[in-house]
Amino acid sequence: MEVINELGMHLRAAAEIAKVASRFQSSIHLLKGEERANAKSVLNTAALAAPKGTRLVLVAEGVDALEAVEALDRLFKDRFGEER
């Protein structure tokens, strides 16, 4: 996943990620280098401090992992619902 919105992954973006991730039963994590964040946690996700252009690895494991990855991919591509 690439952070493409101008403001990066700030608190509101992290909240959107957590909201989407929480809809799924699967374990979902974002990786930034050696850092690992539970995507269902706003604070964990925001703590990654990912500015525009940051590439993150999304790891989802569980019964609905594919659906979770697809939903989060759409969210990232939609710039977390922010203006272009």
C-alpha atoms as a PDB file:
ATOM      1  CA  MET A   1       0.000   0.000   0.000  1.00  0.00           C
ATOM      2  CA  GLU A   2       1.244   3.496  -0.741  1.00  0.00           C
ATOM      3  CA  VAL A   3       0.171   6.588   1.169  1.00  0.00           C
ATOM      4  CA  ILE A   4      -0.805   8.965  -1.652  1.00  0.00           C
ATOM      5  CA  ASN A   5      -2.798  11.691   0.083  1.00  0.00           C
ATOM      6  CA  GLU A   6      -1.079  15.045   0.676  1.00  0.00           C
ATOM      7  CA  LEU A   7      -1.276  14.968   4.482  1.00  0.00           C
ATOM      8  CA  GLY A   8       0.020  11.421   4.878  1.00  0.00           C
ATOM      9  CA  MET A   9      -1.409   8.976   7.368  1.00  0.00           C
ATOM     10  CA  HIS A  10      -2.529  11.408  10.052  1.00  0.00           C
ATOM     11  CA  LEU A  11      -5.000  10.750  12.860  1.00  0.00           C
ATOM     12  CA  ARG A  12      -8.168  11.009  10.757  1.00  0.00           C
ATOM     13  CA  ALA A  13      -6.711   8.698   8.109  1.00  0.00           C
ATOM     14  CA  ALA A  14      -5.679   6.242  10.828  1.00  0.00           C
ATOM     15  CA  ALA A  15      -9.233   6.358  12.186  1.00  0.00           C
ATOM     16  CA  GLU A  16     -10.607   5.519   8.717  1.00  0.00           C
ATOM     17  CA  ILE A  17      -8.201   2.584   8.430  1.00  0.00           C
ATOM     18  CA  ALA A  18      -9.219   1.282  11.857  1.00  0.00           C
ATOM     19  CA  LYS A  19     -12.904   1.691  11.018  1.00  0.00           C
ATOM     20  CA  VAL A  20     -12.579  -0.361   7.829  1.00  0.00           C
ATOM     21  CA  ALA A  21     -10.246  -2.964   9.378  1.00  0.00           C
ATOM     22  CA  SER A  22     -12.570  -3.460  12.350  1.00  0.00           C
ATOM     23  CA  ARG A  23     -15.324  -4.704  10.046  1.00  0.00           C
ATOM     24  CA  PHE A  24     -13.357  -7.903   9.492  1.00  0.00           C
ATOM     25  CA  GLN A  25     -12.621 -10.885  11.721  1.00  0.00           C
ATOM     26  CA  SER A  26      -9.117 -11.339  10.326  1.00  0.00           C
ATOM     27  CA  SER A  27      -5.960 -10.155  12.007  1.00  0.00           C
ATOM     28  CA  ILE A  28      -4.776  -7.110  10.019  1.00  0.00           C
ATOM     29  CA  HIS A  29      -1.428  -5.363  10.418  1.00  0.00           C
ATOM     30  CA  LEU A  30       0.470  -2.635   8.607  1.00  0.00           C
ATOM     31  CA  LEU A  31       4.248  -2.878   8.387  1.00  0.00           C
ATOM     32  CA  LYS A  32       6.639   0.021   7.891  1.00  0.00           C
ATOM     33  CA  GLY A  33      10.144  -1.371   7.899  1.00  0.00           C
ATOM     34  CA  GLU A  34      10.545  -3.099  11.259  1.00  0.00           C
ATOM     35  CA  GLU A  35       7.498  -1.340  12.756  1.00  0.00           C
ATOM     36  CA  ARG A  36       4.233  -3.298  12.968  1.00  0.00           C
ATOM     37  CA  ALA A  37       0.836  -1.756  13.741  1.00  0.00           C
ATOM     38  CA  ASN A  38      -2.520  -3.379  14.397  1.00  0.00           C
ATOM     39  CA  ALA A  39      -4.684  -1.815  11.669  1.00  0.00           C
ATOM     40  CA  LYS A  40      -7.735  -2.000  13.960  1.00  0.00           C
ATOM     41  CA  SER A  41      -6.077   0.421  16.398  1.00  0.00           C
ATOM     42  CA  VAL A  42      -6.167   4.133  15.573  1.00  0.00           C
ATOM     43  CA  LEU A  43      -3.206   4.893  17.835  1.00  0.00           C
ATOM     44  CA  ASN A  44      -1.078   1.982  16.579  1.00  0.00           C
ATOM     45  CA  THR A  45      -1.709   2.968  12.981  1.00  0.00           C
ATOM     46  CA  ALA A  46      -1.115   6.689  13.533  1.00  0.00           C
ATOM     47  CA  ALA A  47       2.128   5.900  15.371  1.00  0.00           C
ATOM     48  CA  LEU A  48       3.621   4.634  12.106  1.00  0.00           C
ATOM     49  CA  ALA A  49       3.972   8.304  11.099  1.00  0.00           C
ATOM     50  CA  ALA A  50       3.697   7.609   7.370  1.00  0.00           C
ATOM     51  CA  PRO A  51       3.958  10.746   5.217  1.00  0.00           C
ATOM     52  CA  LYS A  52       2.927  10.926   1.566  1.00  0.00           C
ATOM     53  CA  GLY A  53       4.909   8.452  -0.524  1.00  0.00           C
ATOM     54  CA  THR A  54       5.427   5.938   2.281  1.00  0.00           C
ATOM     55  CA  ARG A  55       5.012   2.333   1.203  1.00  0.00           C
ATOM     56  CA  LEU A  56       3.440  -0.007   3.739  1.00  0.00           C
ATOM     57  CA  VAL A  57       2.968  -3.756   3.713  1.00  0.00           C
ATOM     58  CA  LEU A  58      -0.505  -4.983   4.628  1.00  0.00           C
ATOM     59  CA  VAL A  59      -0.710  -8.396   6.289  1.00  0.00           C
ATOM     60  CA  ALA A  60      -4.133  -9.965   6.801  1.00  0.00           C
ATOM     61  CA  GLU A  61      -4.740 -13.462   8.123  1.00  0.00           C
ATOM     62  CA  GLY A  62      -8.099 -15.110   8.665  1.00  0.00           C
ATOM     63  CA  VAL A  63     -11.369 -16.129   7.081  1.00  0.00           C
ATOM     64  CA  ASP A  64     -12.067 -12.771   5.438  1.00  0.00           C
ATOM     65  CA  ALA A  65      -8.476 -11.659   4.793  1.00  0.00           C
ATOM     66  CA  LEU A  66      -8.924 -11.185   1.047  1.00  0.00           C
ATOM     67  CA  GLU A  67     -11.987  -8.988   1.535  1.00  0.00           C
ATOM     68  CA  ALA A  68     -10.115  -6.954   4.156  1.00  0.00           C
ATOM     69  CA  VAL A  69      -7.160  -6.369   1.837  1.00  0.00           C
ATOM     70  CA  GLU A  70      -9.479  -5.314  -0.989  1.00  0.00           C
ATOM     71  CA  ALA A  71     -11.388  -2.872   1.234  1.00  0.00           C
ATOM     72  CA  LEU A  72      -8.211  -1.318   2.628  1.00  0.00           C
ATOM     73  CA  ASP A  73      -6.680  -1.098  -0.840  1.00  0.00           C
ATOM     74  CA  ARG A  74      -9.722   0.907  -1.978  1.00  0.00           C
ATOM     75  CA  LEU A  75      -9.411   3.174   1.068  1.00  0.00           C
ATOM     76  CA  PHE A  76      -5.727   3.907   0.380  1.00  0.00           C
ATOM     77  CA  LYS A  77      -6.424   4.533  -3.321  1.00  0.00           C
ATOM     78  CA  ASP A  78      -9.286   6.861  -2.357  1.00  0.00           C
ATOM     79  CA  ARG A  79      -6.801   8.873  -0.239  1.00  0.00           C
ATOM     80  CA  PHE A  80      -8.779   8.019   2.920  1.00  0.00           C
ATOM     81  CA  GLY A  81     -11.712  10.040   1.555  1.00  0.00           C
ATOM     82  CA  GLU A  82      -9.721  13.282   1.385  1.00  0.00           C
ATOM     83  CA  GLU A  83      -9.732  15.819  -1.440  1.00  0.00           C
ATOM     84  CA  ARG A  84      -7.212  15.227  -4.189  1.00  0.00           C
END
